[in-house]
């Protein structure tokens, strides 16, 4: 295993977003992480496009996902 201590290893961004939406819903997710892709006409596809281009937002999403794993 190349990254045994990395809980995000092998988890796609799409999986992370999908699980967060299933757990919290778009509205709550938009309050937790204030980015337009979660608050204005949200979809997984548009969110992935934004998050892949915006490292600070992706980090917030990944951190929220990791907090949910604990």
PDB file of N, CA and C in Angstrom:
ATOM      1  N   UNK A   1       0.848  -1.185   0.000  1.00  0.00           N
ATOM      2  CA  UNK A   1       0.000   0.000   0.000  1.00  0.00           C
ATOM      3  C   UNK A   1       0.887   1.240   0.000  1.00  0.00           C
ATOM      4  N   UNK A   2       0.693   2.110  -0.947  1.00  0.00           N
ATOM      5  CA  UNK A   2       1.559   3.267  -1.117  1.00  0.00           C
ATOM      6  C   UNK A   2       1.312   4.354  -0.068  1.00  0.00           C
ATOM      7  N   UNK A   3       0.061   4.500   0.383  1.00  0.00           N
ATOM      8  CA  UNK A   3      -0.267   5.558   1.335  1.00  0.00           C
ATOM      9  C   UNK A   3      -1.131   4.996   2.468  1.00  0.00           C
ATOM     10  N   UNK A   4      -0.548   4.202   3.343  1.00  0.00           N
ATOM     11  CA  UNK A   4      -1.353   3.523   4.362  1.00  0.00           C
ATOM     12  C   UNK A   4      -2.011   4.463   5.375  1.00  0.00           C
ATOM     13  N   UNK A   5      -1.453   5.646   5.586  1.00  0.00           N
ATOM     14  CA  UNK A   5      -2.004   6.574   6.584  1.00  0.00           C
ATOM     15  C   UNK A   5      -2.883   7.656   5.982  1.00  0.00           C
ATOM     16  N   UNK A   6      -3.172   7.563   4.686  1.00  0.00           N
ATOM     17  CA  UNK A   6      -3.994   8.569   4.024  1.00  0.00           C
ATOM     18  C   UNK A   6      -5.412   8.022   3.838  1.00  0.00           C
ATOM     19  N   UNK A   7      -6.373   8.491   4.638  1.00  0.00           N
ATOM     20  CA  UNK A   7      -7.742   7.969   4.529  1.00  0.00           C
ATOM     21  C   UNK A   7      -8.433   8.347   3.220  1.00  0.00           C
ATOM     22  N   UNK A   8      -7.901   9.312   2.477  1.00  0.00           N
ATOM     23  CA  UNK A   8      -8.492   9.704   1.198  1.00  0.00           C
ATOM     24  C   UNK A   8      -7.936   8.908   0.019  1.00  0.00           C
ATOM     25  N   UNK A   9      -6.924   8.105   0.273  1.00  0.00           N
ATOM     26  CA  UNK A   9      -6.313   7.322  -0.800  1.00  0.00           C
ATOM     27  C   UNK A   9      -7.332   6.353  -1.403  1.00  0.00           C
ATOM     28  N   UNK A  10      -7.539   6.476  -2.695  1.00  0.00           N
ATOM     29  CA  UNK A  10      -8.470   5.597  -3.384  1.00  0.00           C
ATOM     30  C   UNK A  10      -9.915   6.068  -3.368  1.00  0.00           C
ATOM     31  N   UNK A  11     -10.191   7.195  -2.707  1.00  0.00           N
ATOM     32  CA  UNK A  11     -11.550   7.742  -2.659  1.00  0.00           C
ATOM     33  C   UNK A  11     -11.627   8.885  -3.659  1.00  0.00           C
ATOM     34  N   UNK A  12     -12.546   8.796  -4.605  1.00  0.00           N
ATOM     35  CA  UNK A  12     -12.644   9.842  -5.619  1.00  0.00           C
ATOM     36  C   UNK A  12     -13.380  11.059  -5.067  1.00  0.00           C
ATOM     37  N   UNK A  13     -13.140  12.187  -5.692  1.00  0.00           N
ATOM     38  CA  UNK A  13     -13.834  13.419  -5.314  1.00  0.00           C
ATOM     39  C   UNK A  13     -15.335  13.255  -5.518  1.00  0.00           C
ATOM     40  N   UNK A  14     -15.724  12.548  -6.557  1.00  0.00           N
ATOM     41  CA  UNK A  14     -17.147  12.309  -6.806  1.00  0.00           C
ATOM     42  C   UNK A  14     -17.786  11.522  -5.664  1.00  0.00           C
ATOM     43  N   UNK A  15     -17.079  10.529  -5.147  1.00  0.00           N
ATOM     44  CA  UNK A  15     -17.581   9.754  -4.009  1.00  0.00           C
ATOM     45  C   UNK A  15     -17.740  10.648  -2.789  1.00  0.00           C
ATOM     46  N   UNK A  16     -16.766  11.505  -2.554  1.00  0.00           N
ATOM     47  CA  UNK A  16     -16.810  12.403  -1.408  1.00  0.00           C
ATOM     48  C   UNK A  16     -18.023  13.324  -1.499  1.00  0.00           C
ATOM     49  N   UNK A  17     -18.195  13.973  -2.644  1.00  0.00           N
ATOM     50  CA  UNK A  17     -19.315  14.909  -2.822  1.00  0.00           C
ATOM     51  C   UNK A  17     -20.649  14.166  -2.699  1.00  0.00           C
ATOM     52  N   UNK A  18     -20.755  13.020  -3.332  1.00  0.00           N
ATOM     53  CA  UNK A  18     -21.998  12.248  -3.295  1.00  0.00           C
ATOM     54  C   UNK A  18     -22.359  11.837  -1.872  1.00  0.00           C
ATOM     55  N   UNK A  19     -21.377  11.383  -1.117  1.00  0.00           N
ATOM     56  CA  UNK A  19     -21.637  10.975   0.264  1.00  0.00           C
ATOM     57  C   UNK A  19     -21.997  12.173   1.144  1.00  0.00           C
ATOM     58  N   UNK A  20     -21.339  13.311   0.939  1.00  0.00           N
ATOM     59  CA  UNK A  20     -21.669  14.501   1.727  1.00  0.00           C
ATOM     60  C   UNK A  20     -23.084  14.984   1.428  1.00  0.00           C
ATOM     61  N   UNK A  21     -23.486  14.932   0.162  1.00  0.00           N
ATOM     62  CA  UNK A  21     -24.842  15.342  -0.201  1.00  0.00           C
ATOM     63  C   UNK A  21     -25.862  14.372   0.402  1.00  0.00           C
ATOM     64  N   UNK A  22     -25.561  13.088   0.365  1.00  0.00           N
ATOM     65  CA  UNK A  22     -26.476  12.096   0.950  1.00  0.00           C
ATOM     66  C   UNK A  22     -26.592  12.284   2.460  1.00  0.00           C
ATOM     67  N   UNK A  23     -25.502  12.642   3.099  1.00  0.00           N
ATOM     68  CA  UNK A  23     -25.476  12.798   4.551  1.00  0.00           C
ATOM     69  C   UNK A  23     -26.109  14.115   5.011  1.00  0.00           C
ATOM     70  N   UNK A  24     -25.821  15.201   4.283  1.00  0.00           N
ATOM     71  CA  UNK A  24     -26.232  16.530   4.745  1.00  0.00           C
ATOM     72  C   UNK A  24     -27.287  17.206   3.871  1.00  0.00           C
ATOM     73  N   UNK A  25     -27.318  16.889   2.591  1.00  0.00           N
ATOM     74  CA  UNK A  25     -28.191  17.597   1.655  1.00  0.00           C
ATOM     75  C   UNK A  25     -27.490  18.852   1.147  1.00  0.00           C
ATOM     76  N   UNK A  26     -27.937  19.340  -0.015  1.00  0.00           N
ATOM     77  CA  UNK A  26     -27.289  20.499  -0.629  1.00  0.00           C
ATOM     78  C   UNK A  26     -27.395  21.747   0.235  1.00  0.00           C
ATOM     79  N   UNK A  27     -28.566  21.981   0.826  1.00  0.00           N
ATOM     80  CA  UNK A  27     -28.768  23.220   1.582  1.00  0.00           C
ATOM     81  C   UNK A  27     -27.831  23.301   2.781  1.00  0.00           C
ATOM     82  N   UNK A  28     -27.778  22.232   3.557  1.00  0.00           N
ATOM     83  CA  UNK A  28     -26.896  22.223   4.740  1.00  0.00           C
ATOM     84  C   UNK A  28     -25.431  22.273   4.315  1.00  0.00           C
ATOM     85  N   UNK A  29     -25.108  21.563   3.243  1.00  0.00           N
ATOM     86  CA  UNK A  29     -23.736  21.584   2.746  1.00  0.00           C
ATOM     87  C   UNK A  29     -23.339  22.999   2.329  1.00  0.00           C
ATOM     88  N   UNK A  30     -24.270  23.731   1.723  1.00  0.00           N
ATOM     89  CA  UNK A  30     -24.021  25.113   1.344  1.00  0.00           C
ATOM     90  C   UNK A  30     -23.802  26.028   2.533  1.00  0.00           C
ATOM     91  N   UNK A  31     -24.439  25.709   3.672  1.00  0.00           N
ATOM     92  CA  UNK A  31     -24.212  26.495   4.887  1.00  0.00           C
ATOM     93  C   UNK A  31     -22.878  26.128   5.529  1.00  0.00           C
ATOM     94  N   UNK A  32     -22.515  24.874   5.438  1.00  0.00           N
ATOM     95  CA  UNK A  32     -21.268  24.412   6.061  1.00  0.00           C
ATOM     96  C   UNK A  32     -20.038  24.883   5.285  1.00  0.00           C
ATOM     97  N   UNK A  33     -20.141  24.856   3.962  1.00  0.00           N
ATOM     98  CA  UNK A  33     -19.054  25.305   3.087  1.00  0.00           C
ATOM     99  C   UNK A  33     -19.680  26.290   2.111  1.00  0.00           C
ATOM    100  N   UNK A  34     -19.418  27.559   2.321  1.00  0.00           N
ATOM    101  CA  UNK A  34     -20.082  28.608   1.549  1.00  0.00           C
ATOM    102  C   UNK A  34     -19.409  28.811   0.194  1.00  0.00           C
ATOM    103  N   UNK A  35     -19.786  27.960  -0.753  1.00  0.00           N
ATOM    104  CA  UNK A  35     -19.337  28.124  -2.135  1.00  0.00           C
ATOM    105  C   UNK A  35     -20.563  28.033  -3.036  1.00  0.00           C
ATOM    106  N   UNK A  36     -20.561  28.789  -4.120  1.00  0.00           N
ATOM    107  CA  UNK A  36     -21.734  28.883  -4.999  1.00  0.00           C
ATOM    108  C   UNK A  36     -22.158  27.538  -5.589  1.00  0.00           C
ATOM    109  N   UNK A  37     -21.212  26.655  -5.816  1.00  0.00           N
ATOM    110  CA  UNK A  37     -21.578  25.376  -6.438  1.00  0.00           C
ATOM    111  C   UNK A  37     -22.471  24.542  -5.525  1.00  0.00           C
ATOM    112  N   UNK A  38     -22.548  24.880  -4.229  1.00  0.00           N
ATOM    113  CA  UNK A  38     -23.432  24.179  -3.299  1.00  0.00           C
ATOM    114  C   UNK A  38     -24.710  24.962  -3.007  1.00  0.00           C
ATOM    115  N   UNK A  39     -24.732  26.248  -3.353  1.00  0.00           N
ATOM    116  CA  UNK A  39     -25.876  27.078  -2.974  1.00  0.00           C
ATOM    117  C   UNK A  39     -26.738  27.532  -4.148  1.00  0.00           C
ATOM    118  N   UNK A  40     -26.197  27.597  -5.335  1.00  0.00           N
ATOM    119  CA  UNK A  40     -26.938  28.086  -6.504  1.00  0.00           C
ATOM    120  C   UNK A  40     -27.029  26.996  -7.561  1.00  0.00           C
ATOM    121  N   UNK A  41     -28.212  26.408  -7.702  1.00  0.00           N
ATOM    122  CA  UNK A  41     -28.461  25.341  -8.678  1.00  0.00           C
ATOM    123  C   UNK A  41     -27.409  24.231  -8.576  1.00  0.00           C
ATOM    124  N   UNK A  42     -27.287  23.596  -7.405  1.00  0.00           N
ATOM    125  CA  UNK A  42     -26.215  22.621  -7.181  1.00  0.00           C
ATOM    126  C   UNK A  42     -26.427  21.314  -7.946  1.00  0.00           C
ATOM    127  N   UNK A  43     -25.319  20.734  -8.355  1.00  0.00           N
ATOM    128  CA  UNK A  43     -25.313  19.397  -8.939  1.00  0.00           C
ATOM    129  C   UNK A  43     -23.930  18.804  -8.686  1.00  0.00           C
ATOM    130  N   UNK A  44     -23.848  17.504  -8.724  1.00  0.00           N
ATOM    131  CA  UNK A  44     -22.555  16.846  -8.508  1.00  0.00           C
ATOM    132  C   UNK A  44     -21.585  17.258  -9.612  1.00  0.00           C
ATOM    133  N   UNK A  45     -22.058  17.283 -10.851  1.00  0.00           N
ATOM    134  CA  UNK A  45     -21.179  17.602 -11.981  1.00  0.00           C
ATOM    135  C   UNK A  45     -20.584  19.009 -11.863  1.00  0.00           C
ATOM    136  N   UNK A  46     -21.426  20.003 -11.586  1.00  0.00           N
ATOM    137  CA  UNK A  46     -20.904  21.373 -11.487  1.00  0.00           C
ATOM    138  C   UNK A  46     -19.988  21.525 -10.271  1.00  0.00           C
ATOM    139  N   UNK A  47     -20.312  20.829  -9.199  1.00  0.00           N
ATOM    140  CA  UNK A  47     -19.473  20.885  -8.002  1.00  0.00           C
ATOM    141  C   UNK A  47     -18.098  20.280  -8.273  1.00  0.00           C
ATOM    142  N   UNK A  48     -18.063  19.143  -8.980  1.00  0.00           N
ATOM    143  CA  UNK A  48     -16.782  18.515  -9.306  1.00  0.00           C
ATOM    144  C   UNK A  48     -15.930  19.423 -10.178  1.00  0.00           C
ATOM    145  N   UNK A  49     -16.538  20.065 -11.146  1.00  0.00           N
ATOM    146  CA  UNK A  49     -15.807  20.981 -12.026  1.00  0.00           C
ATOM    147  C   UNK A  49     -15.170  22.101 -11.212  1.00  0.00           C
ATOM    148  N   UNK A  50     -15.957  22.702 -10.315  1.00  0.00           N
ATOM    149  CA  UNK A  50     -15.445  23.793  -9.493  1.00  0.00           C
ATOM    150  C   UNK A  50     -14.362  23.305  -8.536  1.00  0.00           C
ATOM    151  N   UNK A  51     -14.619  22.213  -7.840  1.00  0.00           N
ATOM    152  CA  UNK A  51     -13.685  21.732  -6.821  1.00  0.00           C
ATOM    153  C   UNK A  51     -12.354  21.288  -7.415  1.00  0.00           C
ATOM    154  N   UNK A  52     -12.372  20.758  -8.621  1.00  0.00           N
ATOM    155  CA  UNK A  52     -11.125  20.339  -9.266  1.00  0.00           C
ATOM    156  C   UNK A  52     -10.251  21.530  -9.653  1.00  0.00           C
ATOM    157  N   UNK A  53     -10.870  22.690  -9.854  1.00  0.00           N
ATOM    158  CA  UNK A  53     -10.126  23.893 -10.247  1.00  0.00           C
ATOM    159  C   UNK A  53      -9.795  24.799  -9.062  1.00  0.00           C
ATOM    160  N   UNK A  54     -10.345  24.492  -7.880  1.00  0.00           N
ATOM    161  CA  UNK A  54     -10.230  25.398  -6.744  1.00  0.00           C
ATOM    162  C   UNK A  54      -9.707  24.643  -5.518  1.00  0.00           C
ATOM    163  N   UNK A  55      -8.389  24.637  -5.330  1.00  0.00           N
ATOM    164  CA  UNK A  55      -7.792  23.833  -4.259  1.00  0.00           C
ATOM    165  C   UNK A  55      -8.302  24.159  -2.845  1.00  0.00           C
ATOM    166  N   UNK A  56      -8.533  25.438  -2.544  1.00  0.00           N
ATOM    167  CA  UNK A  56      -8.967  25.778  -1.182  1.00  0.00           C
ATOM    168  C   UNK A  56     -10.359  25.211  -0.903  1.00  0.00           C
ATOM    169  N   UNK A  57     -11.234  25.221  -1.881  1.00  0.00           N
ATOM    170  CA  UNK A  57     -12.585  24.678  -1.685  1.00  0.00           C
ATOM    171  C   UNK A  57     -12.530  23.154  -1.585  1.00  0.00           C
ATOM    172  N   UNK A  58     -11.710  22.532  -2.411  1.00  0.00           N
ATOM    173  CA  UNK A  58     -11.566  21.072  -2.354  1.00  0.00           C
ATOM    174  C   UNK A  58     -11.067  20.648  -0.982  1.00  0.00           C
ATOM    175  N   UNK A  59     -10.124  21.387  -0.429  1.00  0.00           N
ATOM    176  CA  UNK A  59      -9.583  21.070   0.907  1.00  0.00           C
ATOM    177  C   UNK A  59     -10.692  21.129   1.953  1.00  0.00           C
ATOM    178  N   UNK A  60     -11.556  22.132   1.881  1.00  0.00           N
ATOM    179  CA  UNK A  60     -12.657  22.242   2.835  1.00  0.00           C
ATOM    180  C   UNK A  60     -13.604  21.049   2.717  1.00  0.00           C
ATOM    181  N   UNK A  61     -13.892  20.631   1.494  1.00  0.00           N
ATOM    182  CA  UNK A  61     -14.773  19.485   1.267  1.00  0.00           C
ATOM    183  C   UNK A  61     -14.120  18.210   1.802  1.00  0.00           C
ATOM    184  N   UNK A  62     -12.844  18.021   1.511  1.00  0.00           N
ATOM    185  CA  UNK A  62     -12.139  16.835   1.994  1.00  0.00           C
ATOM    186  C   UNK A  62     -12.073  16.820   3.515  1.00  0.00           C
ATOM    187  N   UNK A  63     -11.827  17.972   4.130  1.00  0.00           N
ATOM    188  CA  UNK A  63     -11.774  18.051   5.592  1.00  0.00           C
ATOM    189  C   UNK A  63     -13.130  17.707   6.213  1.00  0.00           C
ATOM    190  N   UNK A  64     -14.207  18.204   5.624  1.00  0.00           N
ATOM    191  CA  UNK A  64     -15.547  17.888   6.119  1.00  0.00           C
ATOM    192  C   UNK A  64     -15.818  16.393   6.003  1.00  0.00           C
ATOM    193  N   UNK A  65     -15.429  15.797   4.899  1.00  0.00           N
ATOM    194  CA  UNK A  65     -15.597  14.358   4.693  1.00  0.00           C
ATOM    195  C   UNK A  65     -14.820  13.569   5.752  1.00  0.00           C
ATOM    196  N   UNK A  66     -13.585  13.983   6.012  1.00  0.00           N
ATOM    197  CA  UNK A  66     -12.757  13.282   6.995  1.00  0.00           C
ATOM    198  C   UNK A  66     -13.326  13.405   8.407  1.00  0.00           C
ATOM    199  N   UNK A  67     -13.877  14.572   8.734  1.00  0.00           N
ATOM    200  CA  UNK A  67     -14.512  14.736  10.051  1.00  0.00           C
ATOM    201  C   UNK A  67     -15.684  13.764  10.209  1.00  0.00           C
ATOM    202  N   UNK A  68     -16.384  13.493   9.126  1.00  0.00           N
ATOM    203  CA  UNK A  68     -17.506  12.561   9.159  1.00  0.00           C
ATOM    204  C   UNK A  68     -17.076  11.112   9.322  1.00  0.00           C
ATOM    205  N   UNK A  69     -15.840  10.802   8.982  1.00  0.00           N
ATOM    206  CA  UNK A  69     -15.332   9.434   9.120  1.00  0.00           C
ATOM    207  C   UNK A  69     -14.928   9.105  10.549  1.00  0.00           C
ATOM    208  N   UNK A  70     -14.669  10.111  11.327  1.00  0.00           N
ATOM    209  CA  UNK A  70     -14.195   9.884  12.707  1.00  0.00           C
ATOM    210  C   UNK A  70     -15.310   9.524  13.640  1.00  0.00           C
TER     211      UNK A  70
END
